[in-house]
């Protein structure tokens, strides 16, 4: 079987890569994945959408467990910045949940997808403008590089295929077995973070 690079595997590598590099790369991958969903139909659209859901889930887990808590500690006014980002994430998750329940080829799916895309990309630009520069300015480079391992742990722990009985990766992300997988990913992220901090 040929090596198939996907949005899930296209991460920057090297000893100088830090957590901001990985998150910026994920932002670009998310934007690209939206275009893949929009440009496809039928089963190809469903697969592209499943990949998008997985990518968003992994990305938000890393941000919620690693980036936002760290951001709260490094700057005056950071609580407000992080609270705004968390509110944006909550709104995007609500929009995504509605899309998961829809048929990818149904009337209205693409319009809802475009609204979600706008919300997600606006959120990403806010992080890039308000949060990431603070991390780079105030957190030691070696710690940021170490936190990249935490993000990689989240990527590695996220399910890549549906569990038995789940009809798609999307269903997998919202079904009971996925909650266990998400909890496992969260535990791995926390464990990796503890190792880096000690």
N, C-alpha and C. Protein backbone atom coordinates (compact mmCIF):
# COMPACT_ATOMS: atom_id res chain seq x y z
N UNK A 1 0.86 -1.18 0.00
CA UNK A 1 0.00 0.00 0.00
C UNK A 1 0.90 1.24 0.00
N UNK A 2 0.65 2.21 -0.84
CA UNK A 2 1.50 3.39 -0.89
C UNK A 2 1.36 4.25 0.36
N UNK A 3 2.44 4.95 0.67
CA UNK A 3 2.42 5.89 1.79
C UNK A 3 1.47 7.01 1.45
N UNK A 4 0.48 7.23 2.30
CA UNK A 4 -0.53 8.26 2.03
C UNK A 4 -0.42 9.35 3.07
N UNK A 5 0.15 10.49 2.70
CA UNK A 5 0.23 11.61 3.64
C UNK A 5 -1.11 12.31 3.65
N UNK A 6 -1.59 12.54 4.84
CA UNK A 6 -2.88 13.20 4.99
C UNK A 6 -2.71 14.40 5.90
N UNK A 7 -3.80 15.10 6.11
CA UNK A 7 -3.77 16.23 7.04
C UNK A 7 -3.37 15.76 8.43
N UNK A 8 -3.57 14.48 8.74
CA UNK A 8 -3.24 13.98 10.06
C UNK A 8 -1.75 13.72 10.23
N UNK A 9 -1.02 13.56 9.16
CA UNK A 9 0.39 13.19 9.29
C UNK A 9 1.34 14.29 8.84
N UNK A 10 0.83 15.35 8.24
CA UNK A 10 1.69 16.39 7.69
C UNK A 10 2.07 17.41 8.77
N UNK A 11 2.93 16.99 9.68
CA UNK A 11 3.39 17.87 10.75
C UNK A 11 4.85 18.23 10.54
N UNK A 12 5.24 19.45 10.91
CA UNK A 12 6.67 19.78 10.82
C UNK A 12 7.46 18.96 11.82
N UNK A 13 8.67 18.62 11.46
CA UNK A 13 9.52 17.83 12.35
C UNK A 13 10.84 18.55 12.55
N UNK A 14 11.59 18.10 13.52
CA UNK A 14 12.90 18.68 13.79
C UNK A 14 12.98 19.15 15.23
N UNK A 15 14.19 19.31 15.71
CA UNK A 15 14.40 19.66 17.11
C UNK A 15 14.05 21.11 17.42
N UNK A 16 13.96 21.95 16.41
CA UNK A 16 13.65 23.36 16.65
C UNK A 16 12.15 23.67 16.56
N UNK A 17 11.32 22.67 16.25
CA UNK A 17 9.87 22.88 16.13
C UNK A 17 9.28 23.04 17.53
N UNK A 18 8.47 24.09 17.70
CA UNK A 18 7.85 24.29 18.99
C UNK A 18 6.33 24.17 18.86
N UNK A 19 5.64 24.32 19.99
CA UNK A 19 4.19 24.13 20.01
C UNK A 19 3.48 25.15 19.12
N UNK A 20 4.00 26.36 19.04
CA UNK A 20 3.37 27.36 18.17
C UNK A 20 3.50 26.94 16.71
N UNK A 21 4.67 26.43 16.32
CA UNK A 21 4.84 25.93 14.95
C UNK A 21 3.79 24.86 14.62
N UNK A 22 3.60 23.92 15.56
CA UNK A 22 2.64 22.84 15.30
C UNK A 22 1.22 23.38 15.19
N UNK A 23 0.86 24.30 16.07
CA UNK A 23 -0.50 24.83 16.02
C UNK A 23 -0.74 25.66 14.77
N UNK A 24 0.26 26.43 14.35
CA UNK A 24 0.13 27.18 13.10
C UNK A 24 -0.02 26.23 11.91
N UNK A 25 0.72 25.14 11.93
CA UNK A 25 0.60 24.14 10.87
C UNK A 25 -0.79 23.52 10.89
N UNK A 26 -1.30 23.23 12.09
CA UNK A 26 -2.64 22.68 12.17
C UNK A 26 -3.68 23.68 11.65
N UNK A 27 -3.49 24.97 11.93
CA UNK A 27 -4.42 25.97 11.39
C UNK A 27 -4.45 25.89 9.86
N UNK A 28 -3.28 25.79 9.25
CA UNK A 28 -3.22 25.70 7.79
C UNK A 28 -3.86 24.41 7.30
N UNK A 29 -3.65 23.32 8.01
CA UNK A 29 -4.24 22.03 7.62
C UNK A 29 -5.75 22.07 7.74
N UNK A 30 -6.25 22.71 8.80
CA UNK A 30 -7.70 22.83 8.99
C UNK A 30 -8.30 23.63 7.85
N UNK A 31 -7.66 24.73 7.49
CA UNK A 31 -8.17 25.55 6.37
C UNK A 31 -8.20 24.74 5.08
N UNK A 32 -7.15 23.99 4.84
CA UNK A 32 -7.09 23.14 3.64
C UNK A 32 -8.16 22.06 3.68
N UNK A 33 -8.38 21.48 4.85
CA UNK A 33 -9.36 20.41 4.96
C UNK A 33 -10.78 20.91 4.70
N UNK A 34 -11.08 22.13 5.12
CA UNK A 34 -12.38 22.70 4.78
C UNK A 34 -12.56 22.75 3.27
N UNK A 35 -11.53 23.16 2.55
CA UNK A 35 -11.62 23.23 1.09
C UNK A 35 -11.84 21.86 0.48
N UNK A 36 -11.20 20.83 1.05
CA UNK A 36 -11.39 19.47 0.55
C UNK A 36 -12.82 19.02 0.74
N UNK A 37 -13.43 19.37 1.87
CA UNK A 37 -14.82 19.00 2.11
C UNK A 37 -15.72 19.73 1.12
N UNK A 38 -15.50 21.02 0.96
CA UNK A 38 -16.34 21.83 0.07
C UNK A 38 -16.25 21.33 -1.37
N UNK A 39 -15.07 20.89 -1.80
CA UNK A 39 -14.86 20.48 -3.18
C UNK A 39 -15.25 19.06 -3.50
N UNK A 40 -15.73 18.31 -2.51
CA UNK A 40 -16.05 16.90 -2.74
C UNK A 40 -17.55 16.67 -2.64
N UNK A 41 -17.96 15.45 -2.97
CA UNK A 41 -19.36 15.06 -2.81
C UNK A 41 -19.41 13.58 -2.47
N UNK A 42 -20.56 13.14 -2.03
CA UNK A 42 -20.76 11.73 -1.73
C UNK A 42 -19.81 11.20 -0.68
N UNK A 43 -19.30 9.98 -0.93
CA UNK A 43 -18.41 9.34 0.04
C UNK A 43 -17.10 10.11 0.22
N UNK A 44 -16.61 10.74 -0.84
CA UNK A 44 -15.38 11.52 -0.73
C UNK A 44 -15.60 12.71 0.22
N UNK A 45 -16.76 13.33 0.13
CA UNK A 45 -17.06 14.44 1.04
C UNK A 45 -17.17 13.92 2.48
N UNK A 46 -17.80 12.78 2.65
CA UNK A 46 -17.95 12.22 4.00
C UNK A 46 -16.57 11.93 4.60
N UNK A 47 -15.68 11.32 3.81
CA UNK A 47 -14.33 11.02 4.32
C UNK A 47 -13.58 12.31 4.67
N UNK A 48 -13.69 13.31 3.79
CA UNK A 48 -13.01 14.58 4.04
C UNK A 48 -13.58 15.26 5.29
N UNK A 49 -14.89 15.16 5.47
CA UNK A 49 -15.52 15.75 6.65
C UNK A 49 -15.10 15.01 7.91
N UNK A 50 -15.04 13.67 7.84
CA UNK A 50 -14.57 12.89 8.98
C UNK A 50 -13.15 13.32 9.37
N UNK A 51 -12.29 13.51 8.38
CA UNK A 51 -10.91 13.95 8.65
C UNK A 51 -10.90 15.34 9.29
N UNK A 52 -11.78 16.21 8.83
CA UNK A 52 -11.87 17.55 9.39
C UNK A 52 -12.29 17.49 10.86
N UNK A 53 -13.30 16.69 11.16
CA UNK A 53 -13.77 16.57 12.54
C UNK A 53 -12.66 16.06 13.44
N UNK A 54 -11.94 15.05 12.98
CA UNK A 54 -10.84 14.51 13.78
C UNK A 54 -9.77 15.57 14.01
N UNK A 55 -9.40 16.27 12.97
CA UNK A 55 -8.36 17.30 13.07
C UNK A 55 -8.78 18.40 14.04
N UNK A 56 -10.02 18.84 13.96
CA UNK A 56 -10.52 19.87 14.88
C UNK A 56 -10.51 19.36 16.32
N UNK A 57 -10.91 18.10 16.52
CA UNK A 57 -10.94 17.54 17.87
C UNK A 57 -9.54 17.48 18.48
N UNK A 58 -8.58 17.01 17.72
CA UNK A 58 -7.21 16.92 18.21
C UNK A 58 -6.65 18.30 18.51
N UNK A 59 -6.89 19.22 17.61
CA UNK A 59 -6.37 20.58 17.76
C UNK A 59 -6.93 21.24 19.01
N UNK A 60 -8.24 21.16 19.19
CA UNK A 60 -8.85 21.81 20.35
C UNK A 60 -8.44 21.15 21.65
N UNK A 61 -8.25 19.83 21.64
CA UNK A 61 -7.77 19.16 22.86
C UNK A 61 -6.41 19.70 23.25
N UNK A 62 -5.52 19.83 22.30
CA UNK A 62 -4.18 20.36 22.60
C UNK A 62 -4.26 21.79 23.12
N UNK A 63 -5.10 22.60 22.51
CA UNK A 63 -5.20 23.99 22.96
C UNK A 63 -5.81 24.08 24.35
N UNK A 64 -6.87 23.32 24.59
CA UNK A 64 -7.55 23.39 25.88
C UNK A 64 -6.71 22.84 27.01
N UNK A 65 -5.91 21.83 26.73
CA UNK A 65 -5.12 21.20 27.78
C UNK A 65 -3.75 21.83 27.99
N UNK A 66 -3.19 22.44 26.95
CA UNK A 66 -1.82 22.93 27.03
C UNK A 66 -1.72 24.44 26.85
N UNK A 67 -2.22 24.92 25.73
CA UNK A 67 -1.95 26.31 25.34
C UNK A 67 -2.72 27.31 26.20
N UNK A 68 -4.02 27.12 26.31
CA UNK A 68 -4.81 28.11 27.05
C UNK A 68 -4.42 28.20 28.52
N UNK A 69 -4.22 27.07 29.22
CA UNK A 69 -3.78 27.19 30.62
C UNK A 69 -2.43 27.91 30.75
N UNK A 70 -1.51 27.64 29.84
CA UNK A 70 -0.22 28.33 29.88
C UNK A 70 -0.40 29.81 29.59
N UNK A 71 -1.22 30.13 28.62
CA UNK A 71 -1.44 31.54 28.26
C UNK A 71 -1.99 32.34 29.44
N UNK A 72 -2.82 31.72 30.25
CA UNK A 72 -3.39 32.42 31.41
C UNK A 72 -2.31 32.90 32.38
N UNK A 73 -1.15 32.25 32.38
CA UNK A 73 -0.12 32.54 33.37
C UNK A 73 0.92 33.55 32.92
N UNK A 74 0.89 33.98 31.67
CA UNK A 74 2.06 34.71 31.15
C UNK A 74 1.85 36.19 30.87
N UNK A 75 0.61 36.69 30.94
CA UNK A 75 0.43 38.10 30.57
C UNK A 75 -0.74 38.71 31.33
N UNK A 76 -0.63 40.01 31.60
CA UNK A 76 -1.76 40.73 32.15
C UNK A 76 -2.89 40.73 31.13
N UNK A 77 -4.09 40.52 31.59
CA UNK A 77 -5.23 40.48 30.69
C UNK A 77 -5.39 39.17 29.95
N UNK A 78 -4.54 38.19 30.26
CA UNK A 78 -4.58 36.92 29.53
C UNK A 78 -5.87 36.15 29.79
N UNK A 79 -6.44 36.29 30.99
CA UNK A 79 -7.69 35.57 31.26
C UNK A 79 -8.77 35.98 30.27
N UNK A 80 -8.88 37.26 29.99
CA UNK A 80 -9.88 37.73 29.04
C UNK A 80 -9.63 37.20 27.64
N UNK A 81 -8.37 37.19 27.23
CA UNK A 81 -8.01 36.67 25.90
C UNK A 81 -8.37 35.20 25.80
N UNK A 82 -8.01 34.42 26.83
CA UNK A 82 -8.30 32.98 26.80
C UNK A 82 -9.81 32.74 26.88
N UNK A 83 -10.49 33.48 27.73
CA UNK A 83 -11.95 33.30 27.83
C UNK A 83 -12.63 33.57 26.49
N UNK A 84 -12.18 34.58 25.78
CA UNK A 84 -12.73 34.87 24.45
C UNK A 84 -12.48 33.70 23.50
N UNK A 85 -11.27 33.12 23.53
CA UNK A 85 -10.97 31.99 22.66
C UNK A 85 -11.84 30.78 23.01
N UNK A 86 -12.03 30.54 24.30
CA UNK A 86 -12.85 29.41 24.73
C UNK A 86 -14.30 29.59 24.30
N UNK A 87 -14.80 30.81 24.35
CA UNK A 87 -16.16 31.08 23.89
C UNK A 87 -16.27 30.82 22.38
N UNK A 88 -15.27 31.24 21.63
CA UNK A 88 -15.26 30.96 20.18
C UNK A 88 -15.27 29.45 19.93
N UNK A 89 -14.47 28.71 20.71
CA UNK A 89 -14.41 27.26 20.55
C UNK A 89 -15.75 26.62 20.87
N UNK A 90 -16.42 27.08 21.92
CA UNK A 90 -17.73 26.53 22.27
C UNK A 90 -18.73 26.76 21.13
N UNK A 91 -18.73 27.95 20.57
CA UNK A 91 -19.65 28.24 19.47
C UNK A 91 -19.36 27.35 18.26
N UNK A 92 -18.08 27.17 17.95
CA UNK A 92 -17.71 26.32 16.81
C UNK A 92 -18.12 24.87 17.06
N UNK A 93 -17.95 24.40 18.30
CA UNK A 93 -18.34 23.02 18.62
C UNK A 93 -19.84 22.82 18.45
N UNK A 94 -20.63 23.81 18.84
CA UNK A 94 -22.08 23.71 18.65
C UNK A 94 -22.43 23.64 17.17
N UNK A 95 -21.76 24.45 16.36
CA UNK A 95 -22.00 24.43 14.92
C UNK A 95 -21.59 23.08 14.33
N UNK A 96 -20.45 22.56 14.79
CA UNK A 96 -19.95 21.29 14.29
C UNK A 96 -20.89 20.15 14.66
N UNK A 97 -21.41 20.18 15.88
CA UNK A 97 -22.34 19.13 16.31
C UNK A 97 -23.56 19.09 15.39
N UNK A 98 -24.08 20.24 15.03
CA UNK A 98 -25.22 20.28 14.12
C UNK A 98 -24.85 19.69 12.76
N UNK A 99 -23.64 19.96 12.28
CA UNK A 99 -23.21 19.42 10.99
C UNK A 99 -23.02 17.92 11.05
N UNK A 100 -22.53 17.41 12.17
CA UNK A 100 -22.31 15.97 12.32
C UNK A 100 -23.63 15.22 12.16
N UNK A 101 -24.71 15.85 12.64
CA UNK A 101 -26.02 15.21 12.57
C UNK A 101 -26.66 15.30 11.18
N UNK A 102 -26.08 16.09 10.27
CA UNK A 102 -26.65 16.28 8.93
C UNK A 102 -25.99 15.34 7.93
N UNK A 103 -26.66 15.12 6.82
CA UNK A 103 -26.09 14.38 5.70
C UNK A 103 -25.19 15.35 4.94
N UNK A 104 -23.97 14.92 4.60
CA UNK A 104 -23.01 15.83 3.96
C UNK A 104 -23.46 16.33 2.59
N UNK A 105 -24.41 15.65 1.97
CA UNK A 105 -24.92 16.09 0.67
C UNK A 105 -26.32 16.70 0.77
N UNK A 106 -26.78 16.96 1.99
CA UNK A 106 -28.11 17.53 2.15
C UNK A 106 -28.12 19.02 1.84
N UNK A 107 -29.32 19.53 1.55
CA UNK A 107 -29.49 20.97 1.36
C UNK A 107 -29.10 21.66 2.65
N UNK A 108 -28.36 22.72 2.53
CA UNK A 108 -27.97 23.49 3.70
C UNK A 108 -26.65 23.08 4.33
N UNK A 109 -26.15 21.86 4.00
CA UNK A 109 -24.90 21.42 4.62
C UNK A 109 -23.76 22.36 4.26
N UNK A 110 -23.63 22.67 2.97
CA UNK A 110 -22.50 23.50 2.54
C UNK A 110 -22.58 24.91 3.13
N UNK A 111 -23.77 25.47 3.22
CA UNK A 111 -23.92 26.79 3.83
C UNK A 111 -23.49 26.75 5.29
N UNK A 112 -23.95 25.72 6.01
CA UNK A 112 -23.56 25.58 7.42
C UNK A 112 -22.06 25.33 7.55
N UNK A 113 -21.51 24.56 6.62
CA UNK A 113 -20.07 24.30 6.64
C UNK A 113 -19.28 25.60 6.44
N UNK A 114 -19.74 26.44 5.53
CA UNK A 114 -19.06 27.71 5.29
C UNK A 114 -19.14 28.62 6.51
N UNK A 115 -20.26 28.61 7.22
CA UNK A 115 -20.38 29.39 8.46
C UNK A 115 -19.41 28.86 9.52
N UNK A 116 -19.31 27.52 9.61
CA UNK A 116 -18.36 26.92 10.55
C UNK A 116 -16.94 27.29 10.17
N UNK A 117 -16.64 27.22 8.88
CA UNK A 117 -15.30 27.57 8.40
C UNK A 117 -14.94 28.99 8.80
N UNK A 118 -15.86 29.91 8.60
CA UNK A 118 -15.61 31.29 8.97
C UNK A 118 -15.35 31.43 10.47
N UNK A 119 -16.15 30.74 11.28
CA UNK A 119 -15.97 30.81 12.74
C UNK A 119 -14.63 30.22 13.16
N UNK A 120 -14.28 29.08 12.59
CA UNK A 120 -13.03 28.41 12.97
C UNK A 120 -11.81 29.23 12.53
N UNK A 121 -11.85 29.75 11.31
CA UNK A 121 -10.70 30.52 10.82
C UNK A 121 -10.57 31.86 11.53
N UNK A 122 -11.69 32.48 11.89
CA UNK A 122 -11.63 33.71 12.69
C UNK A 122 -11.01 33.42 14.04
N UNK A 123 -11.42 32.33 14.66
CA UNK A 123 -10.85 31.90 15.94
C UNK A 123 -9.34 31.68 15.80
N UNK A 124 -8.93 31.01 14.74
CA UNK A 124 -7.50 30.75 14.53
C UNK A 124 -6.73 32.07 14.38
N UNK A 125 -7.28 33.01 13.63
CA UNK A 125 -6.59 34.31 13.45
C UNK A 125 -6.48 35.06 14.77
N UNK A 126 -7.50 34.95 15.62
CA UNK A 126 -7.43 35.59 16.94
C UNK A 126 -6.32 34.97 17.79
N UNK A 127 -6.20 33.65 17.74
CA UNK A 127 -5.09 33.00 18.47
C UNK A 127 -3.75 33.47 17.93
N UNK A 128 -3.64 33.51 16.61
CA UNK A 128 -2.38 33.91 15.99
C UNK A 128 -2.03 35.36 16.32
N UNK A 129 -3.01 36.19 16.50
CA UNK A 129 -2.75 37.61 16.78
C UNK A 129 -2.56 37.90 18.27
N UNK A 130 -3.39 37.28 19.12
CA UNK A 130 -3.40 37.67 20.53
C UNK A 130 -2.71 36.69 21.47
N UNK A 131 -2.72 35.42 21.13
CA UNK A 131 -2.23 34.42 22.07
C UNK A 131 -0.82 33.92 21.72
N UNK A 132 -0.61 33.51 20.48
CA UNK A 132 0.67 32.92 20.10
C UNK A 132 1.85 33.86 20.27
N UNK A 133 1.73 35.15 19.92
CA UNK A 133 2.88 36.05 20.13
C UNK A 133 3.28 36.16 21.60
N UNK A 134 2.30 36.12 22.49
CA UNK A 134 2.61 36.16 23.92
C UNK A 134 3.38 34.92 24.36
N UNK A 135 3.00 33.77 23.82
CA UNK A 135 3.72 32.54 24.14
C UNK A 135 5.18 32.65 23.69
N UNK A 136 5.37 33.09 22.46
CA UNK A 136 6.73 33.20 21.94
C UNK A 136 7.55 34.23 22.71
N UNK A 137 6.92 35.31 23.16
CA UNK A 137 7.64 36.39 23.84
C UNK A 137 7.96 36.05 25.29
N UNK A 138 7.13 35.24 25.94
CA UNK A 138 7.25 35.09 27.38
C UNK A 138 7.54 33.68 27.89
N UNK A 139 7.51 32.71 27.02
CA UNK A 139 7.79 31.34 27.45
C UNK A 139 9.14 30.92 26.86
N UNK A 140 10.02 30.34 27.69
CA UNK A 140 11.33 29.92 27.17
C UNK A 140 11.18 28.98 25.97
N UNK A 141 12.08 29.16 25.01
CA UNK A 141 12.01 28.39 23.76
C UNK A 141 12.07 26.89 24.02
N UNK A 142 12.89 26.45 24.99
CA UNK A 142 12.99 25.02 25.25
C UNK A 142 11.68 24.45 25.79
N UNK A 143 10.94 25.25 26.57
CA UNK A 143 9.64 24.79 27.06
C UNK A 143 8.65 24.70 25.90
N UNK A 144 8.65 25.67 25.01
CA UNK A 144 7.75 25.62 23.85
C UNK A 144 8.06 24.41 22.98
N UNK A 145 9.36 24.10 22.84
CA UNK A 145 9.73 22.90 22.06
C UNK A 145 9.24 21.64 22.76
N UNK A 146 9.35 21.61 24.08
CA UNK A 146 8.87 20.46 24.83
C UNK A 146 7.36 20.28 24.72
N UNK A 147 6.65 21.38 24.70
CA UNK A 147 5.20 21.30 24.58
C UNK A 147 4.77 20.79 23.20
N UNK A 148 5.64 20.90 22.22
CA UNK A 148 5.33 20.32 20.91
C UNK A 148 5.14 18.80 21.04
N UNK A 149 5.88 18.18 21.94
CA UNK A 149 5.72 16.74 22.17
C UNK A 149 4.33 16.43 22.73
N UNK A 150 3.80 17.34 23.53
CA UNK A 150 2.46 17.15 24.08
C UNK A 150 1.43 17.16 22.95
N UNK A 151 1.58 18.10 22.03
CA UNK A 151 0.65 18.16 20.89
C UNK A 151 0.79 16.90 20.04
N UNK A 152 2.02 16.46 19.84
CA UNK A 152 2.21 15.22 19.07
C UNK A 152 1.55 14.04 19.77
N UNK A 153 1.59 14.01 21.12
CA UNK A 153 0.94 12.93 21.86
C UNK A 153 -0.56 12.95 21.62
N UNK A 154 -1.14 14.14 21.57
CA UNK A 154 -2.57 14.24 21.30
C UNK A 154 -2.90 13.72 19.91
N UNK A 155 -2.07 14.06 18.93
CA UNK A 155 -2.27 13.57 17.56
C UNK A 155 -2.19 12.05 17.52
N UNK A 156 -1.19 11.51 18.20
CA UNK A 156 -0.97 10.06 18.16
C UNK A 156 -2.10 9.30 18.85
N UNK A 157 -2.68 9.90 19.89
CA UNK A 157 -3.70 9.20 20.67
C UNK A 157 -5.08 9.28 20.04
N UNK A 158 -5.30 10.25 19.17
CA UNK A 158 -6.64 10.42 18.59
C UNK A 158 -6.96 9.26 17.66
N UNK A 159 -8.21 8.82 17.67
CA UNK A 159 -8.58 7.70 16.79
C UNK A 159 -8.45 8.09 15.33
N UNK A 160 -7.88 7.19 14.53
CA UNK A 160 -7.74 7.46 13.10
C UNK A 160 -8.78 6.72 12.28
N UNK A 161 -9.41 5.71 12.88
CA UNK A 161 -10.44 4.94 12.18
C UNK A 161 -11.61 4.74 13.13
N UNK A 162 -12.78 4.52 12.59
CA UNK A 162 -13.92 4.27 13.46
C UNK A 162 -13.72 3.02 14.29
N UNK A 163 -14.23 3.05 15.50
CA UNK A 163 -14.28 1.84 16.30
C UNK A 163 -15.33 0.91 15.70
N UNK A 164 -15.25 -0.39 15.98
CA UNK A 164 -16.27 -1.29 15.45
C UNK A 164 -17.67 -0.81 15.84
N UNK A 165 -18.56 -0.82 14.87
CA UNK A 165 -19.92 -0.38 15.11
C UNK A 165 -20.15 1.09 14.79
N UNK A 166 -19.11 1.87 14.66
CA UNK A 166 -19.28 3.28 14.30
C UNK A 166 -19.26 3.38 12.79
N UNK A 167 -20.14 4.19 12.23
CA UNK A 167 -20.27 4.24 10.78
C UNK A 167 -19.22 5.11 10.11
N UNK A 168 -18.62 6.03 10.86
CA UNK A 168 -17.62 6.90 10.27
C UNK A 168 -16.73 7.45 11.38
N UNK A 169 -15.64 8.07 10.98
CA UNK A 169 -14.78 8.72 11.98
C UNK A 169 -15.55 9.81 12.70
N UNK A 170 -16.47 10.45 12.02
CA UNK A 170 -17.28 11.48 12.66
C UNK A 170 -18.13 10.85 13.75
N UNK A 171 -18.82 9.77 13.43
CA UNK A 171 -19.61 9.09 14.45
C UNK A 171 -18.71 8.62 15.58
N UNK A 172 -17.52 8.17 15.22
CA UNK A 172 -16.57 7.70 16.20
C UNK A 172 -16.22 8.79 17.20
N UNK A 173 -16.17 10.03 16.74
CA UNK A 173 -15.79 11.12 17.63
C UNK A 173 -16.90 11.52 18.57
N UNK A 174 -18.14 11.16 18.29
CA UNK A 174 -19.23 11.56 19.16
C UNK A 174 -19.87 10.38 19.88
N UNK A 175 -19.45 9.17 19.56
CA UNK A 175 -20.02 7.98 20.17
C UNK A 175 -19.35 7.70 21.51
N UNK A 176 -19.96 6.81 22.28
CA UNK A 176 -19.42 6.45 23.59
C UNK A 176 -17.97 6.00 23.55
N UNK A 177 -17.60 5.06 22.66
CA UNK A 177 -16.20 4.63 22.62
C UNK A 177 -15.24 5.77 22.35
N UNK A 178 -15.69 6.78 21.61
CA UNK A 178 -14.81 7.90 21.32
C UNK A 178 -14.59 8.75 22.54
N UNK A 179 -15.62 8.86 23.38
CA UNK A 179 -15.42 9.62 24.61
C UNK A 179 -14.30 8.99 25.42
N UNK A 180 -14.24 7.66 25.44
CA UNK A 180 -13.16 6.98 26.12
C UNK A 180 -11.83 7.27 25.44
N UNK A 181 -11.82 7.29 24.11
CA UNK A 181 -10.59 7.60 23.38
C UNK A 181 -10.17 9.04 23.62
N UNK A 182 -11.15 9.95 23.67
CA UNK A 182 -10.83 11.36 23.94
C UNK A 182 -10.27 11.51 25.35
N UNK A 183 -10.87 10.78 26.30
CA UNK A 183 -10.33 10.81 27.66
C UNK A 183 -8.91 10.29 27.69
N UNK A 184 -8.65 9.23 26.92
CA UNK A 184 -7.29 8.66 26.84
C UNK A 184 -6.33 9.70 26.24
N UNK A 185 -6.76 10.38 25.19
CA UNK A 185 -5.92 11.41 24.58
C UNK A 185 -5.63 12.52 25.59
N UNK A 186 -6.66 12.93 26.31
CA UNK A 186 -6.49 13.97 27.33
C UNK A 186 -5.50 13.51 28.40
N UNK A 187 -5.64 12.24 28.84
CA UNK A 187 -4.71 11.71 29.85
C UNK A 187 -3.28 11.71 29.33
N UNK A 188 -3.09 11.30 28.06
CA UNK A 188 -1.75 11.28 27.48
C UNK A 188 -1.17 12.69 27.37
N UNK A 189 -2.02 13.65 27.02
CA UNK A 189 -1.57 15.03 26.93
C UNK A 189 -1.13 15.52 28.30
N UNK A 190 -1.94 15.25 29.31
CA UNK A 190 -1.59 15.68 30.67
C UNK A 190 -0.31 15.00 31.17
N UNK A 191 -0.18 13.71 30.88
CA UNK A 191 1.02 12.99 31.30
C UNK A 191 2.26 13.55 30.62
N UNK A 192 2.17 13.80 29.32
CA UNK A 192 3.32 14.37 28.60
C UNK A 192 3.65 15.75 29.13
N UNK A 193 2.64 16.54 29.46
CA UNK A 193 2.87 17.88 30.00
C UNK A 193 3.58 17.81 31.35
N UNK A 194 3.16 16.87 32.20
CA UNK A 194 3.81 16.70 33.51
C UNK A 194 5.28 16.32 33.34
N UNK A 195 5.57 15.42 32.40
CA UNK A 195 6.96 15.00 32.18
C UNK A 195 7.82 16.17 31.75
N UNK A 196 7.28 17.01 30.91
CA UNK A 196 8.03 18.16 30.40
C UNK A 196 8.29 19.18 31.51
N UNK A 197 7.30 19.35 32.38
CA UNK A 197 7.43 20.35 33.43
C UNK A 197 8.32 19.90 34.57
N UNK A 198 8.52 18.58 34.71
CA UNK A 198 9.36 18.11 35.82
C UNK A 198 10.81 17.95 35.43
